[in-house]
Full PDB file with SEQRES, HELIX, SHEET, SSBOND, CRYST1, ORIGX, SCALE, CONECT and MASTER records, all heavy atoms in Angstrom:
SEQRES   1 A   43  GLY LEU SER ASP THR GLN VAL THR ALA VAL VAL ALA HIS          
SEQRES   2 A   43  GLU LEU GLY HIS TRP ARG HIS GLY HIS PHE TYR LYS ALA          
SEQRES   3 A   43  LEU VAL THR PHE GLN LEU HIS LEU ALA LEU THR ILE LEU          
SEQRES   4 A   43  LEU PHE ALA LEU                                              
HELIX    1 AA1 ASP A    4  ARG A   19  1                                  16    
HELIX    2 AA2 HIS A   22  ALA A   42  1                                  21    
CRYST1    1.000    1.000    1.000  90.00  90.00  90.00 P 1           1          
ORIGX1      1.000000  0.000000  0.000000        0.00000                         
ORIGX2      0.000000  1.000000  0.000000        0.00000                         
ORIGX3      0.000000  0.000000  1.000000        0.00000                         
SCALE1      1.000000  0.000000  0.000000        0.00000                         
SCALE2      0.000000  1.000000  0.000000        0.00000                         
SCALE3      0.000000  0.000000  1.000000        0.00000                         
ATOM      1  N   GLY A   1       0.816  -1.198   0.000  1.00  0.00           N  
ATOM      2  CA  GLY A   1       0.000   0.000   0.000  1.00  0.00           C  
ATOM      3  C   GLY A   1       0.855   1.256   0.000  1.00  0.00           C  
ATOM      4  O   GLY A   1       2.090   1.204   0.017  1.00  0.00           O  
ATOM      5  N   LEU A   2       0.191   2.395  -0.045  1.00  0.00           N  
ATOM      6  CA  LEU A   2       0.872   3.676  -0.176  1.00  0.00           C  
ATOM      7  C   LEU A   2       0.940   4.400   1.163  1.00  0.00           C  
ATOM      8  O   LEU A   2       0.095   4.186   2.044  1.00  0.00           O  
ATOM      9  CB  LEU A   2       0.135   4.560  -1.189  1.00  0.00           C  
ATOM     10  CG  LEU A   2      -0.093   3.972  -2.584  1.00  0.00           C  
ATOM     11  CD1 LEU A   2      -0.808   4.987  -3.465  1.00  0.00           C  
ATOM     12  CD2 LEU A   2       1.210   3.539  -3.228  1.00  0.00           C  
ATOM     13  N   SER A   3       1.917   5.268   1.286  1.00  0.00           N  
ATOM     14  CA  SER A   3       2.012   6.115   2.471  1.00  0.00           C  
ATOM     15  C   SER A   3       0.886   7.156   2.441  1.00  0.00           C  
ATOM     16  O   SER A   3       0.195   7.325   1.428  1.00  0.00           O  
ATOM     17  CB  SER A   3       3.373   6.808   2.510  1.00  0.00           C  
ATOM     18  OG  SER A   3       3.483   7.741   1.443  1.00  0.00           O  
ATOM     19  N   ASP A   4       0.724   7.873   3.547  1.00  0.00           N  
ATOM     20  CA  ASP A   4      -0.358   8.855   3.644  1.00  0.00           C  
ATOM     21  C   ASP A   4      -0.234   9.939   2.565  1.00  0.00           C  
ATOM     22  O   ASP A   4      -1.229  10.316   1.929  1.00  0.00           O  
ATOM     23  CB  ASP A   4      -0.350   9.498   5.033  1.00  0.00           C  
ATOM     24  CG  ASP A   4      -0.714   8.498   6.126  1.00  0.00           C  
ATOM     25  OD1 ASP A   4      -1.110   7.374   5.784  1.00  0.00           O  
ATOM     26  OD2 ASP A   4      -0.605   8.855   7.311  1.00  0.00           O  
ATOM     27  N   THR A   5       0.975  10.462   2.368  1.00  0.00           N  
ATOM     28  CA  THR A   5       1.152  11.521   1.367  1.00  0.00           C  
ATOM     29  C   THR A   5       0.925  11.003  -0.044  1.00  0.00           C  
ATOM     30  O   THR A   5       0.417  11.731  -0.904  1.00  0.00           O  
ATOM     31  CB  THR A   5       2.562  12.124   1.481  1.00  0.00           C  
ATOM     32  OG1 THR A   5       3.547  11.075   1.372  1.00  0.00           O  
ATOM     33  CG2 THR A   5       2.741  12.842   2.797  1.00  0.00           C  
ATOM     34  N   GLN A   6       1.280   9.733  -0.282  1.00  0.00           N  
ATOM     35  CA  GLN A   6       1.058   9.164  -1.610  1.00  0.00           C  
ATOM     36  C   GLN A   6      -0.428   8.930  -1.874  1.00  0.00           C  
ATOM     37  O   GLN A   6      -0.917   9.179  -2.982  1.00  0.00           O  
ATOM     38  CB  GLN A   6       1.843   7.855  -1.751  1.00  0.00           C  
ATOM     39  CG  GLN A   6       3.351   8.055  -1.773  1.00  0.00           C  
ATOM     40  CD  GLN A   6       4.117   6.780  -1.542  1.00  0.00           C  
ATOM     41  OE1 GLN A   6       3.543   5.691  -1.449  1.00  0.00           O  
ATOM     42  NE2 GLN A   6       5.438   6.884  -1.425  1.00  0.00           N  
ATOM     43  N   VAL A   7      -1.162   8.474  -0.872  1.00  0.00           N  
ATOM     44  CA  VAL A   7      -2.618   8.325  -1.018  1.00  0.00           C  
ATOM     45  C   VAL A   7      -3.254   9.686  -1.279  1.00  0.00           C  
ATOM     46  O   VAL A   7      -4.139   9.822  -2.143  1.00  0.00           O  
ATOM     47  CB  VAL A   7      -3.223   7.676   0.241  1.00  0.00           C  
ATOM     48  CG1 VAL A   7      -4.758   7.684   0.159  1.00  0.00           C  
ATOM     49  CG2 VAL A   7      -2.724   6.250   0.401  1.00  0.00           C  
ATOM     50  N   THR A   8      -2.810  10.703  -0.570  1.00  0.00           N  
ATOM     51  CA  THR A   8      -3.340  12.052  -0.776  1.00  0.00           C  
ATOM     52  C   THR A   8      -3.047  12.529  -2.191  1.00  0.00           C  
ATOM     53  O   THR A   8      -3.892  13.192  -2.823  1.00  0.00           O  
ATOM     54  CB  THR A   8      -2.711  13.025   0.237  1.00  0.00           C  
ATOM     55  OG1 THR A   8      -2.842  12.484   1.554  1.00  0.00           O  
ATOM     56  CG2 THR A   8      -3.399  14.368   0.196  1.00  0.00           C  
ATOM     57  N   ALA A   9      -1.872  12.185  -2.725  1.00  0.00           N  
ATOM     58  CA  ALA A   9      -1.535  12.559  -4.107  1.00  0.00           C  
ATOM     59  C   ALA A   9      -2.459  11.874  -5.101  1.00  0.00           C  
ATOM     60  O   ALA A   9      -2.881  12.479  -6.103  1.00  0.00           O  
ATOM     61  CB  ALA A   9      -0.078  12.208  -4.392  1.00  0.00           C  
ATOM     62  N   VAL A  10      -2.779  10.600  -4.855  1.00  0.00           N  
ATOM     63  CA  VAL A  10      -3.701   9.872  -5.742  1.00  0.00           C  
ATOM     64  C   VAL A  10      -5.088  10.511  -5.693  1.00  0.00           C  
ATOM     65  O   VAL A  10      -5.757  10.674  -6.731  1.00  0.00           O  
ATOM     66  CB  VAL A  10      -3.763   8.383  -5.341  1.00  0.00           C  
ATOM     67  CG1 VAL A  10      -4.864   7.670  -6.120  1.00  0.00           C  
ATOM     68  CG2 VAL A  10      -2.420   7.711  -5.593  1.00  0.00           C  
ATOM     69  N   VAL A  11      -5.545  10.883  -4.506  1.00  0.00           N  
ATOM     70  CA  VAL A  11      -6.846  11.554  -4.388  1.00  0.00           C  
ATOM     71  C   VAL A  11      -6.806  12.909  -5.093  1.00  0.00           C  
ATOM     72  O   VAL A  11      -7.798  13.324  -5.718  1.00  0.00           O  
ATOM     73  CB  VAL A  11      -7.238  11.705  -2.905  1.00  0.00           C  
ATOM     74  CG1 VAL A  11      -8.515  12.526  -2.764  1.00  0.00           C  
ATOM     75  CG2 VAL A  11      -7.427  10.333  -2.262  1.00  0.00           C  
ATOM     76  N   ALA A  12      -5.681  13.604  -5.028  1.00  0.00           N  
ATOM     77  CA  ALA A  12      -5.547  14.867  -5.756  1.00  0.00           C  
ATOM     78  C   ALA A  12      -5.684  14.643  -7.257  1.00  0.00           C  
ATOM     79  O   ALA A  12      -6.282  15.462  -7.973  1.00  0.00           O  
ATOM     80  CB  ALA A  12      -4.188  15.509  -5.436  1.00  0.00           C  
ATOM     81  N   HIS A  13      -5.141  13.531  -7.742  1.00  0.00           N  
ATOM     82  CA  HIS A  13      -5.311  13.171  -9.156  1.00  0.00           C  
ATOM     83  C   HIS A  13      -6.791  12.971  -9.482  1.00  0.00           C  
ATOM     84  O   HIS A  13      -7.288  13.470 -10.511  1.00  0.00           O  
ATOM     85  CB  HIS A  13      -4.513  11.901  -9.452  1.00  0.00           C  
ATOM     86  CG  HIS A  13      -4.799  11.288 -10.786  1.00  0.00           C  
ATOM     87  ND1 HIS A  13      -4.116  11.635 -11.940  1.00  0.00           N  
ATOM     88  CD2 HIS A  13      -5.712  10.361 -11.164  1.00  0.00           C  
ATOM     89  CE1 HIS A  13      -4.587  10.942 -12.953  1.00  0.00           C  
ATOM     90  NE2 HIS A  13      -5.559  10.165 -12.517  1.00  0.00           N  
ATOM     91  N   GLU A  14      -7.512  12.242  -8.616  1.00  0.00           N  
ATOM     92  CA  GLU A  14      -8.947  12.019  -8.856  1.00  0.00           C  
ATOM     93  C   GLU A  14      -9.726  13.326  -8.780  1.00  0.00           C  
ATOM     94  O   GLU A  14     -10.693  13.528  -9.533  1.00  0.00           O  
ATOM     95  CB  GLU A  14      -9.496  11.010  -7.844  1.00  0.00           C  
ATOM     96  CG  GLU A  14      -8.840   9.645  -7.893  1.00  0.00           C  
ATOM     97  CD  GLU A  14      -8.872   9.021  -9.281  1.00  0.00           C  
ATOM     98  OE1 GLU A  14      -9.873   9.219 -10.003  1.00  0.00           O  
ATOM     99  OE2 GLU A  14      -7.892   8.351  -9.644  1.00  0.00           O  
ATOM    100  N   LEU A  15      -9.327  14.222  -7.904  1.00  0.00           N  
ATOM    101  CA  LEU A  15      -9.957  15.543  -7.851  1.00  0.00           C  
ATOM    102  C   LEU A  15      -9.723  16.305  -9.150  1.00  0.00           C  
ATOM    103  O   LEU A  15     -10.553  17.138  -9.551  1.00  0.00           O  
ATOM    104  CB  LEU A  15      -9.403  16.335  -6.667  1.00  0.00           C  
ATOM    105  CG  LEU A  15      -9.899  15.912  -5.286  1.00  0.00           C  
ATOM    106  CD1 LEU A  15      -9.109  16.620  -4.199  1.00  0.00           C  
ATOM    107  CD2 LEU A  15     -11.391  16.194  -5.132  1.00  0.00           C  
ATOM    108  N   GLY A  16      -8.599  16.043  -9.809  1.00  0.00           N  
ATOM    109  CA  GLY A  16      -8.347  16.654 -11.116  1.00  0.00           C  
ATOM    110  C   GLY A  16      -9.389  16.238 -12.143  1.00  0.00           C  
ATOM    111  O   GLY A  16      -9.828  17.058 -12.964  1.00  0.00           O  
ATOM    112  N   HIS A  17      -9.796  14.966 -12.095  1.00  0.00           N  
ATOM    113  CA  HIS A  17     -10.868  14.514 -12.999  1.00  0.00           C  
ATOM    114  C   HIS A  17     -12.161  15.285 -12.723  1.00  0.00           C  
ATOM    115  O   HIS A  17     -12.877  15.672 -13.652  1.00  0.00           O  
ATOM    116  CB  HIS A  17     -11.103  13.015 -12.811  1.00  0.00           C  
ATOM    117  CG  HIS A  17     -10.022  12.147 -13.372  1.00  0.00           C  
ATOM    118  ND1 HIS A  17      -9.630  12.204 -14.686  1.00  0.00           N  
ATOM    119  CD2 HIS A  17      -9.248  11.193 -12.789  1.00  0.00           C  
ATOM    120  CE1 HIS A  17      -8.668  11.314 -14.901  1.00  0.00           C  
ATOM    121  NE2 HIS A  17      -8.412  10.694 -13.765  1.00  0.00           N  
ATOM    122  N   TRP A  18     -12.446  15.483 -11.438  1.00  0.00           N  
ATOM    123  CA  TRP A  18     -13.673  16.218 -11.084  1.00  0.00           C  
ATOM    124  C   TRP A  18     -13.560  17.685 -11.477  1.00  0.00           C  
ATOM    125  O   TRP A  18     -14.493  18.246 -12.067  1.00  0.00           O  
ATOM    126  CB  TRP A  18     -13.903  16.090  -9.572  1.00  0.00           C  
ATOM    127  CG  TRP A  18     -14.939  17.031  -9.043  1.00  0.00           C  
ATOM    128  CD1 TRP A  18     -16.284  16.989  -9.258  1.00  0.00           C  
ATOM    129  CD2 TRP A  18     -14.700  18.179  -8.202  1.00  0.00           C  
ATOM    130  NE1 TRP A  18     -16.907  18.032  -8.606  1.00  0.00           N  
ATOM    131  CE2 TRP A  18     -15.961  18.779  -7.949  1.00  0.00           C  
ATOM    132  CE3 TRP A  18     -13.560  18.743  -7.637  1.00  0.00           C  
ATOM    133  CZ2 TRP A  18     -16.092  19.910  -7.163  1.00  0.00           C  
ATOM    134  CZ3 TRP A  18     -13.693  19.875  -6.850  1.00  0.00           C  
ATOM    135  CH2 TRP A  18     -14.940  20.446  -6.619  1.00  0.00           C  
ATOM    136  N   ARG A  19     -12.442  18.315 -11.177  1.00  0.00           N  
ATOM    137  CA  ARG A  19     -12.272  19.741 -11.442  1.00  0.00           C  
ATOM    138  C   ARG A  19     -12.325  20.045 -12.934  1.00  0.00           C  
ATOM    139  O   ARG A  19     -12.877  21.079 -13.346  1.00  0.00           O  
ATOM    140  CB  ARG A  19     -10.945  20.217 -10.842  1.00  0.00           C  
ATOM    141  CG  ARG A  19     -10.617  21.670 -11.105  1.00  0.00           C  
ATOM    142  CD  ARG A  19     -11.690  22.591 -10.547  1.00  0.00           C  
ATOM    143  NE  ARG A  19     -11.702  22.592  -9.088  1.00  0.00           N  
ATOM    144  CZ  ARG A  19     -12.573  23.273  -8.364  1.00  0.00           C  
ATOM    145  NH1 ARG A  19     -13.531  23.976  -8.951  1.00  0.00           N  
ATOM    146  NH2 ARG A  19     -12.517  23.235  -7.035  1.00  0.00           N  
ATOM    147  N   HIS A  20     -11.799  19.152 -13.761  1.00  0.00           N  
ATOM    148  CA  HIS A  20     -11.798  19.374 -15.216  1.00  0.00           C  
ATOM    149  C   HIS A  20     -13.086  18.896 -15.895  1.00  0.00           C  
ATOM    150  O   HIS A  20     -13.196  18.997 -17.119  1.00  0.00           O  
ATOM    151  CB  HIS A  20     -10.593  18.673 -15.849  1.00  0.00           C  
ATOM    152  CG  HIS A  20      -9.292  19.379 -15.608  1.00  0.00           C  
ATOM    153  ND1 HIS A  20      -8.929  20.538 -16.252  1.00  0.00           N  
ATOM    154  CD2 HIS A  20      -8.255  19.079 -14.787  1.00  0.00           C  
ATOM    155  CE1 HIS A  20      -7.741  20.925 -15.852  1.00  0.00           C  
ATOM    156  NE2 HIS A  20      -7.295  20.061 -14.961  1.00  0.00           N  
ATOM    157  N   GLY A  21     -14.027  18.371 -15.112  1.00  0.00           N  
ATOM    158  CA  GLY A  21     -15.305  17.945 -15.694  1.00  0.00           C  
ATOM    159  C   GLY A  21     -15.177  16.773 -16.640  1.00  0.00           C  
ATOM    160  O   GLY A  21     -15.921  16.684 -17.623  1.00  0.00           O  
ATOM    161  N   HIS A  22     -14.267  15.857 -16.355  1.00  0.00           N  
ATOM    162  CA  HIS A  22     -14.041  14.735 -17.271  1.00  0.00           C  
ATOM    163  C   HIS A  22     -15.251  13.814 -17.366  1.00  0.00           C  
ATOM    164  O   HIS A  22     -15.505  13.235 -18.427  1.00  0.00           O  
ATOM    165  CB  HIS A  22     -12.806  13.942 -16.829  1.00  0.00           C  
ATOM    166  CG  HIS A  22     -11.530  14.691 -17.019  1.00  0.00           C  
ATOM    167  ND1 HIS A  22     -10.357  14.360 -16.394  1.00  0.00           N  
ATOM    168  CD2 HIS A  22     -11.243  15.778 -17.790  1.00  0.00           C  
ATOM    169  CE1 HIS A  22      -9.401  15.188 -16.759  1.00  0.00           C  
ATOM    170  NE2 HIS A  22      -9.920  16.064 -17.597  1.00  0.00           N  
ATOM    171  N   PHE A  23     -16.003  13.694 -16.279  1.00  0.00           N  
ATOM    172  CA  PHE A  23     -17.186  12.834 -16.331  1.00  0.00           C  
ATOM    173  C   PHE A  23     -18.202  13.385 -17.338  1.00  0.00           C  
ATOM    174  O   PHE A  23     -18.757  12.631 -18.155  1.00  0.00           O  
ATOM    175  CB  PHE A  23     -17.815  12.733 -14.943  1.00  0.00           C  
ATOM    176  CG  PHE A  23     -19.055  11.887 -14.902  1.00  0.00           C  
ATOM    177  CD1 PHE A  23     -18.967  10.508 -14.833  1.00  0.00           C  
ATOM    178  CD2 PHE A  23     -20.320  12.465 -14.944  1.00  0.00           C  
ATOM    179  CE1 PHE A  23     -20.103   9.726 -14.809  1.00  0.00           C  
ATOM    180  CE2 PHE A  23     -21.458  11.697 -14.913  1.00  0.00           C  
ATOM    181  CZ  PHE A  23     -21.355  10.320 -14.842  1.00  0.00           C  
ATOM    182  N   TYR A  24     -18.435  14.690 -17.310  1.00  0.00           N  
ATOM    183  CA  TYR A  24     -19.392  15.295 -18.235  1.00  0.00           C  
ATOM    184  C   TYR A  24     -18.888  15.221 -19.672  1.00  0.00           C  
ATOM    185  O   TYR A  24     -19.657  14.928 -20.602  1.00  0.00           O  
ATOM    186  CB  TYR A  24     -19.642  16.756 -17.856  1.00  0.00           C  
ATOM    187  CG  TYR A  24     -20.213  16.944 -16.483  1.00  0.00           C  
ATOM    188  CD1 TYR A  24     -19.420  17.406 -15.432  1.00  0.00           C  
ATOM    189  CD2 TYR A  24     -21.548  16.661 -16.213  1.00  0.00           C  
ATOM    190  CE1 TYR A  24     -19.936  17.572 -14.161  1.00  0.00           C  
ATOM    191  CE2 TYR A  24     -22.074  16.826 -14.950  1.00  0.00           C  
ATOM    192  CZ  TYR A  24     -21.263  17.286 -13.922  1.00  0.00           C  
ATOM    193  OH  TYR A  24     -21.788  17.433 -12.664  1.00  0.00           O  
ATOM    194  N   LYS A  25     -17.604  15.484 -19.863  1.00  0.00           N  
ATOM    195  CA  LYS A  25     -17.037  15.431 -21.216  1.00  0.00           C  
ATOM    196  C   LYS A  25     -17.130  14.023 -21.789  1.00  0.00           C  
ATOM    197  O   LYS A  25     -17.470  13.849 -22.957  1.00  0.00           O  
ATOM    198  CB  LYS A  25     -15.583  15.898 -21.191  1.00  0.00           C  
ATOM    199  CG  LYS A  25     -15.418  17.374 -20.840  1.00  0.00           C  
ATOM    200  CD  LYS A  25     -13.960  17.764 -20.702  1.00  0.00           C  
ATOM    201  CE  LYS A  25     -13.815  19.236 -20.304  1.00  0.00           C  
ATOM    202  NZ  LYS A  25     -12.404  19.622 -20.080  1.00  0.00           N  
ATOM    203  N   ALA A  26     -16.811  13.027 -20.957  1.00  0.00           N  
ATOM    204  CA  ALA A  26     -16.903  11.642 -21.412  1.00  0.00           C  
ATOM    205  C   ALA A  26     -18.348  11.267 -21.720  1.00  0.00           C  
ATOM    206  O   ALA A  26     -18.631  10.562 -22.705  1.00  0.00           O  
ATOM    207  CB  ALA A  26     -16.324  10.699 -20.357  1.00  0.00           C  
ATOM    208  N   LEU A  27     -19.283  11.757 -20.905  1.00  0.00           N  
ATOM    209  CA  LEU A  27     -20.696  11.442 -21.118  1.00  0.00           C  
ATOM    210  C   LEU A  27     -21.201  12.043 -22.420  1.00  0.00           C  
ATOM    211  O   LEU A  27     -21.881  11.371 -23.216  1.00  0.00           O  
ATOM    212  CB  LEU A  27     -21.513  11.962 -19.936  1.00  0.00           C  
ATOM    213  CG  LEU A  27     -23.013  11.647 -19.940  1.00  0.00           C  
ATOM    214  CD1 LEU A  27     -23.232  10.149 -19.900  1.00  0.00           C  
ATOM    215  CD2 LEU A  27     -23.695  12.311 -18.756  1.00  0.00           C  
ATOM    216  N   VAL A  28     -20.873  13.313 -22.678  1.00  0.00           N  
ATOM    217  CA  VAL A  28     -21.308  13.960 -23.919  1.00  0.00           C  
ATOM    218  C   VAL A  28     -20.673  13.275 -25.130  1.00  0.00           C  
ATOM    219  O   VAL A  28     -21.346  13.016 -26.146  1.00  0.00           O  
ATOM    220  CB  VAL A  28     -20.941  15.460 -23.891  1.00  0.00           C  
ATOM    221  CG1 VAL A  28     -21.175  16.096 -25.258  1.00  0.00           C  
ATOM    222  CG2 VAL A  28     -21.752  16.183 -22.827  1.00  0.00           C  
ATOM    223  N   THR A  29     -19.383  12.947 -25.030  1.00  0.00           N  
ATOM    224  CA  THR A  29     -18.707  12.268 -26.140  1.00  0.00           C  
ATOM    225  C   THR A  29     -19.349  10.920 -26.419  1.00  0.00           C  
ATOM    226  O   THR A  29     -19.554  10.545 -27.586  1.00  0.00           O  
ATOM    227  CB  THR A  29     -17.215  12.080 -25.812  1.00  0.00           C  
ATOM    228  OG1 THR A  29     -16.629  13.347 -25.539  1.00  0.00           O  
ATOM    229  CG2 THR A  29     -16.488  11.438 -26.982  1.00  0.00           C  
ATOM    230  N   PHE A  30     -19.668  10.189 -25.361  1.00  0.00           N  
ATOM    231  CA  PHE A  30     -20.300   8.886 -25.544  1.00  0.00           C  
ATOM    232  C   PHE A  30     -21.669   9.020 -26.202  1.00  0.00           C  
ATOM    233  O   PHE A  30     -22.041   8.218 -27.065  1.00  0.00           O  
ATOM    234  CB  PHE A  30     -20.441   8.182 -24.195  1.00  0.00           C  
ATOM    235  CG  PHE A  30     -21.221   6.892 -24.272  1.00  0.00           C  
ATOM    236  CD1 PHE A  30     -20.647   5.758 -24.826  1.00  0.00           C  
ATOM    237  CD2 PHE A  30     -22.522   6.821 -23.803  1.00  0.00           C  
ATOM    238  CE1 PHE A  30     -21.367   4.580 -24.915  1.00  0.00           C  
ATOM    239  CE2 PHE A  30     -23.242   5.649 -23.880  1.00  0.00           C  
ATOM    240  CZ  PHE A  30     -22.664   4.528 -24.444  1.00  0.00           C  
ATOM    241  N   GLN A  31     -22.442  10.045 -25.817  1.00  0.00           N  
ATOM    242  CA  GLN A  31     -23.756  10.231 -26.433  1.00  0.00           C  
ATOM    243  C   GLN A  31     -23.636  10.588 -27.911  1.00  0.00           C  
ATOM    244  O   GLN A  31     -24.430  10.118 -28.739  1.00  0.00           O  
ATOM    245  CB  GLN A  31     -24.526  11.319 -25.681  1.00  0.00           C  
ATOM    246  CG  GLN A  31     -24.965  10.920 -24.282  1.00  0.00           C  
ATOM    247  CD  GLN A  31     -25.829   9.665 -24.272  1.00  0.00           C  
ATOM    248  OE1 GLN A  31     -26.718   9.497 -25.107  1.00  0.00           O  
ATOM    249  NE2 GLN A  31     -25.547   8.776 -23.338  1.00  0.00           N  
ATOM    250  N   LEU A  32     -22.650  11.408 -28.265  1.00  0.00           N  
ATOM    251  CA  LEU A  32     -22.423  11.717 -29.679  1.00  0.00           C  
ATOM    252  C   LEU A  32     -22.030  10.462 -30.447  1.00  0.00           C  
ATOM    253  O   LEU A  32     -22.512  10.219 -31.562  1.00  0.00           O  
ATOM    254  CB  LEU A  32     -21.345  12.789 -29.813  1.00  0.00           C  
ATOM    255  CG  LEU A  32     -21.712  14.188 -29.308  1.00  0.00           C  
ATOM    256  CD1 LEU A  32     -20.497  15.111 -29.390  1.00  0.00           C  
ATOM    257  CD2 LEU A  32     -22.877  14.769 -30.117  1.00  0.00           C  
ATOM    258  N   HIS A  33     -21.142   9.682 -29.862  1.00  0.00           N  
ATOM    259  CA  HIS A  33     -20.729   8.413 -30.484  1.00  0.00           C  
ATOM    260  C   HIS A  33     -21.923   7.483 -30.647  1.00  0.00           C  
ATOM    261  O   HIS A  33     -22.102   6.855 -31.705  1.00  0.00           O  
ATOM    262  CB  HIS A  33     -19.642   7.762 -29.629  1.00  0.00           C  
ATOM    263  CG  HIS A  33     -19.508   6.295 -29.814  1.00  0.00           C  
ATOM    264  ND1 HIS A  33     -19.222   5.720 -31.043  1.00  0.00           N  
ATOM    265  CD2 HIS A  33     -19.603   5.263 -28.936  1.00  0.00           C  
ATOM    266  CE1 HIS A  33     -19.162   4.404 -30.913  1.00  0.00           C  
ATOM    267  NE2 HIS A  33     -19.395   4.110 -29.649  1.00  0.00           N  
ATOM    268  N   LEU A  34     -22.765   7.397 -29.617  1.00  0.00           N  
ATOM    269  CA  LEU A  34     -23.943   6.535 -29.677  1.00  0.00           C  
ATOM    270  C   LEU A  34     -24.904   6.988 -30.772  1.00  0.00           C  
ATOM    271  O   LEU A  34     -25.426   6.166 -31.549  1.00  0.00           O  
ATOM    272  CB  LEU A  34     -24.631   6.532 -28.315  1.00  0.00           C  
ATOM    273  CG  LEU A  34     -25.861   5.647 -28.169  1.00  0.00           C  
ATOM    274  CD1 LEU A  34     -25.492   4.189 -28.377  1.00  0.00           C  
ATOM    275  CD2 LEU A  34     -26.490   5.839 -26.782  1.00  0.00           C  
ATOM    276  N   ALA A  35     -25.143   8.302 -30.862  1.00  0.00           N  
ATOM    277  CA  ALA A  35     -26.057   8.821 -31.879  1.00  0.00           C  
ATOM    278  C   ALA A  35     -25.531   8.540 -33.282  1.00  0.00           C  
ATOM    279  O   ALA A  35     -26.291   8.118 -34.177  1.00  0.00           O  
ATOM    280  CB  ALA A  35     -26.255  10.328 -31.681  1.00  0.00           C  
ATOM    281  N   LEU A  36     -24.234   8.753 -33.502  1.00  0.00           N  
ATOM    282  CA  LEU A  36     -23.649   8.498 -34.819  1.00  0.00           C  
ATOM    283  C   LEU A  36     -23.677   7.009 -35.155  1.00  0.00           C  
ATOM    284  O   LEU A  36     -23.951   6.624 -36.311  1.00  0.00           O  
ATOM    285  CB  LEU A  36     -22.212   9.029 -34.849  1.00  0.00           C  
ATOM    286  CG  LEU A  36     -21.479   8.919 -36.193  1.00  0.00           C  
ATOM    287  CD1 LEU A  36     -22.261   9.615 -37.299  1.00  0.00           C  
ATOM    288  CD2 LEU A  36     -20.079   9.506 -36.082  1.00  0.00           C  
ATOM    289  N   THR A  37     -23.431   6.175 -34.156  1.00  0.00           N  
ATOM    290  CA  THR A  37     -23.466   4.720 -34.379  1.00  0.00           C  
ATOM    291  C   THR A  37     -24.862   4.265 -34.782  1.00  0.00           C  
ATOM    292  O   THR A  37     -25.020   3.492 -35.734  1.00  0.00           O  
ATOM    293  CB  THR A  37     -23.022   3.986 -33.099  1.00  0.00           C  
ATOM    294  OG1 THR A  37     -21.698   4.401 -32.741  1.00  0.00           O  
ATOM    295  CG2 THR A  37     -23.030   2.485 -33.315  1.00  0.00           C  
ATOM    296  N   ILE A  38     -25.874   4.734 -34.073  1.00  0.00           N  
ATOM    297  CA  ILE A  38     -27.251   4.350 -34.397  1.00  0.00           C  
ATOM    298  C   ILE A  38     -27.641   4.879 -35.780  1.00  0.00           C  
ATOM    299  O   ILE A  38     -28.340   4.200 -36.544  1.00  0.00           O  
ATOM    300  CB  ILE A  38     -28.221   4.877 -33.320  1.00  0.00           C  
ATOM    301  CG1 ILE A  38     -27.923   4.208 -31.966  1.00  0.00           C  
ATOM    302  CG2 ILE A  38     -29.668   4.631 -33.725  1.00  0.00           C  
ATOM    303  CD1 ILE A  38     -28.143   2.726 -31.935  1.00  0.00           C  
ATOM    304  N   LEU A  39     -27.193   6.100 -36.128  1.00  0.00           N  
ATOM    305  CA  LEU A  39     -27.502   6.652 -37.441  1.00  0.00           C  
ATOM    306  C   LEU A  39     -26.899   5.806 -38.555  1.00  0.00           C  
ATOM    307  O   LEU A  39     -27.576   5.475 -39.546  1.00  0.00           O  
ATOM    308  CB  LEU A  39     -26.981   8.092 -37.526  1.00  0.00           C  
ATOM    309  CG  LEU A  39     -27.161   8.800 -38.876  1.00  0.00           C  
ATOM    310  CD1 LEU A  39     -28.649   8.904 -39.228  1.00  0.00           C  
ATOM    311  CD2 LEU A  39     -26.516  10.180 -38.854  1.00  0.00           C  
ATOM    312  N   LEU A  40     -25.624   5.439 -38.417  1.00  0.00           N  
ATOM    313  CA  LEU A  40     -24.980   4.590 -39.426  1.00  0.00           C  
ATOM    314  C   LEU A  40     -25.661   3.231 -39.502  1.00  0.00           C  
ATOM    315  O   LEU A  40     -25.868   2.682 -40.593  1.00  0.00           O  
ATOM    316  CB  LEU A  40     -23.493   4.427 -39.100  1.00  0.00           C  
ATOM    317  CG  LEU A  40     -22.637   5.691 -39.215  1.00  0.00           C  
ATOM    318  CD1 LEU A  40     -21.216   5.420 -38.737  1.00  0.00           C  
ATOM    319  CD2 LEU A  40     -22.624   6.193 -40.660  1.00  0.00           C  
ATOM    320  N   PHE A  41     -26.018   2.691 -38.342  1.00  0.00           N  
ATOM    321  CA  PHE A  41     -26.714   1.409 -38.322  1.00  0.00           C  
ATOM    322  C   PHE A  41     -28.054   1.503 -39.052  1.00  0.00           C  
ATOM    323  O   PHE A  41     -28.421   0.610 -39.822  1.00  0.00           O  
ATOM    324  CB  PHE A  41     -26.931   0.968 -36.878  1.00  0.00           C  
ATOM    325  CG  PHE A  41     -27.823  -0.228 -36.729  1.00  0.00           C  
ATOM    326  CD1 PHE A  41     -27.334  -1.501 -36.948  1.00  0.00           C  
ATOM    327  CD2 PHE A  41     -29.152  -0.075 -36.373  1.00  0.00           C  
ATOM    328  CE1 PHE A  41     -28.161  -2.607 -36.824  1.00  0.00           C  
ATOM    329  CE2 PHE A  41     -29.985  -1.176 -36.236  1.00  0.00           C  
ATOM    330  CZ  PHE A  41     -29.481  -2.443 -36.454  1.00  0.00           C  
ATOM    331  N   ALA A  42     -28.790   2.591 -38.812  1.00  0.00           N  
ATOM    332  CA  ALA A  42     -30.100   2.767 -39.458  1.00  0.00           C  
ATOM    333  C   ALA A  42     -29.958   2.855 -40.977  1.00  0.00           C  
ATOM    334  O   ALA A  42     -30.857   2.420 -41.720  1.00  0.00           O  
ATOM    335  CB  ALA A  42     -30.784   4.017 -38.923  1.00  0.00           C  
ATOM    336  N   LEU A  43     -28.842   3.392 -41.454  1.00  0.00           N  
ATOM    337  CA  LEU A  43     -28.637   3.529 -42.895  1.00  0.00           C  
ATOM    338  C   LEU A  43     -28.364   2.186 -43.575  1.00  0.00           C  
ATOM    339  O   LEU A  43     -28.807   1.956 -44.705  1.00  0.00           O  
ATOM    340  CB  LEU A  43     -27.488   4.499 -43.173  1.00  0.00           C  
ATOM    341  CG  LEU A  43     -27.733   5.968 -42.810  1.00  0.00           C  
ATOM    342  CD1 LEU A  43     -26.477   6.791 -43.031  1.00  0.00           C  
ATOM    343  CD2 LEU A  43     -28.893   6.534 -43.638  1.00  0.00           C  
TER     344      LEU A  43                                                      
MASTER        0    0    0    2    0    0    0    6  343    1    0    4          
END                                                                             
């Protein structure tokens, strides 16, 4: 396992995902990909 400061550094990395809105960006990208996939499939 990691020391206390190393665990805190890992949590700081995860906070970076939250601060940069990566969850929302990934969600929007996935929805665009899904819409394009269904459109091509329908064709």
